[in-house]
C-alpha atoms as a PDB file:
ATOM      1  CA  MET A   1     132.001 116.075  79.081  1.00  0.00           C
ATOM      2  CA  THR A   2     128.960 116.581  81.295  1.00  0.00           C
ATOM      3  CA  THR A   3     128.027 114.554  84.336  1.00  0.00           C
ATOM      4  CA  PRO A   4     124.627 112.817  84.181  1.00  0.00           C
ATOM      5  CA  ASP A   5     121.940 114.102  86.521  1.00  0.00           C
ATOM      6  CA  VAL A   6     121.144 112.105  89.642  1.00  0.00           C
ATOM      7  CA  TRP A   7     117.349 112.199  89.898  1.00  0.00           C
ATOM      8  CA  LYS A   8     115.514 111.740  93.207  1.00  0.00           C
ATOM      9  CA  LYS A   9     111.827 111.195  93.886  1.00  0.00           C
ATOM     10  CA  SER A  10     109.932 112.446  96.865  1.00  0.00           C
ATOM     11  CA  SER A  11     109.072 110.010  99.632  1.00  0.00           C
ATOM     12  CA  TYR A  12     105.492 111.230  99.055  1.00  0.00           C
ATOM     13  CA  SER A  13     105.387 109.955  95.469  1.00  0.00           C
ATOM     14  CA  GLY A  14     102.275 107.859  95.985  1.00  0.00           C
ATOM     15  CA  GLY A  15     101.540 104.169  96.165  1.00  0.00           C
ATOM     16  CA  GLY A  16     102.102 101.474  93.604  1.00  0.00           C
ATOM     17  CA  GLU A  17     105.204 102.077  91.570  1.00  0.00           C
ATOM     18  CA  GLY A  18     105.671 105.529  93.097  1.00  0.00           C
ATOM     19  CA  ASN A  19     105.632 107.363  89.793  1.00  0.00           C
ATOM     20  CA  ALA A  20     102.947 109.978  90.508  1.00  0.00           C
ATOM     21  CA  CYS A  21     105.330 112.799  91.294  1.00  0.00           C
ATOM     22  CA  VAL A  22     108.119 114.995  90.103  1.00  0.00           C
ATOM     23  CA  GLU A  23     111.815 114.231  90.352  1.00  0.00           C
ATOM     24  CA  VAL A  24     114.578 116.696  91.157  1.00  0.00           C
ATOM     25  CA  ALA A  25     118.278 116.719  90.372  1.00  0.00           C
ATOM     26  CA  PRO A  26     120.855 119.173  91.686  1.00  0.00           C
ATOM     27  CA  ARG A  27     122.995 121.001  89.172  1.00  0.00           C
ATOM     28  CA  ARG A  28     125.664 123.634  89.860  1.00  0.00           C
ATOM     29  CA  ALA A  29     123.562 126.623  90.903  1.00  0.00           C
ATOM     30  CA  ARG A  30     120.174 125.332  89.778  1.00  0.00           C
ATOM     31  CA  ILE A  31     117.728 122.526  90.492  1.00  0.00           C
ATOM     32  CA  ALA A  32     116.307 120.490  87.614  1.00  0.00           C
ATOM     33  CA  ILE A  33     112.702 119.280  87.863  1.00  0.00           C
ATOM     34  CA  ARG A  34     110.895 116.754  85.638  1.00  0.00           C
ATOM     35  CA  ASP A  35     107.730 114.677  85.551  1.00  0.00           C
ATOM     36  CA  SER A  36     108.488 111.148  86.756  1.00  0.00           C
ATOM     37  CA  LYS A  37     105.863 109.693  84.392  1.00  0.00           C
ATOM     38  CA  ALA A  38     107.356 111.382  81.329  1.00  0.00           C
ATOM     39  CA  PRO A  39     111.028 112.142  82.017  1.00  0.00           C
ATOM     40  CA  SER A  40     111.885 112.611  78.345  1.00  0.00           C
ATOM     41  CA  HIS A  41     109.289 115.383  77.890  1.00  0.00           C
ATOM     42  CA  GLY A  42     111.516 118.110  79.233  1.00  0.00           C
ATOM     43  CA  THR A  43     113.100 119.599  82.294  1.00  0.00           C
ATOM     44  CA  LEU A  44     112.457 122.808  84.183  1.00  0.00           C
ATOM     45  CA  THR A  45     115.388 124.396  86.000  1.00  0.00           C
ATOM     46  CA  VAL A  46     115.192 127.007  88.737  1.00  0.00           C
ATOM     47  CA  PRO A  47     117.831 128.764  90.843  1.00  0.00           C
ATOM     48  CA  ALA A  48     118.747 126.662  93.893  1.00  0.00           C
ATOM     49  CA  PRO A  49     117.866 129.424  96.418  1.00  0.00           C
ATOM     50  CA  SER A  50     114.404 129.798  94.860  1.00  0.00           C
ATOM     51  CA  PHE A  51     113.809 126.068  95.031  1.00  0.00           C
ATOM     52  CA  ALA A  52     114.933 125.987  98.670  1.00  0.00           C
ATOM     53  CA  ALA A  53     112.496 128.801  99.513  1.00  0.00           C
ATOM     54  CA  PHE A  54     109.700 126.915  97.710  1.00  0.00           C
ATOM     55  CA  VAL A  55     110.393 123.711  99.670  1.00  0.00           C
ATOM     56  CA  CYS A  56     110.448 125.646 102.959  1.00  0.00           C
ATOM     57  CA  ALA A  57     107.111 127.258 102.099  1.00  0.00           C
ATOM     58  CA  LEU A  58     105.645 123.810 101.309  1.00  0.00           C
ATOM     59  CA  LYS A  59     106.821 122.447 104.643  1.00  0.00           C
ATOM     60  CA  ARG A  60     105.333 125.420 106.542  1.00  0.00           C
ATOM     61  CA  SER A  61     101.991 125.086 104.763  1.00  0.00           C
ATOM     62  CA  GLY A  62     101.774 121.311 105.144  1.00  0.00           C
ATOM     63  CA  GLY A  63     102.064 120.902 101.367  1.00  0.00           C
ATOM     64  CA  LEU A  64      98.990 123.015 100.630  1.00  0.00           C
ATOM     65  CA  LEU A  65     100.320 125.837  98.472  1.00  0.00           C
END
C-alpha cells in the first residue's frame, strides 16, 4: 500500500484563493510537482538534491530565474 502525497503550496501563491502556483510533495528520494489549478493533469518528479539546488538558486536570484 502506498502513502498519499502531502501537497504544499508556496506562501507566494497569489491572492484570492491562492491557486496560481505549483504544489510540491516530498517522496522518498524525489520531489513531486504539480499545477495547483489542474492537479489531476499529471505530476513531474525530480531528484530531491536537484530540487533543493533549484530552490536555493531561486532564493539567490530573488525569484527571477
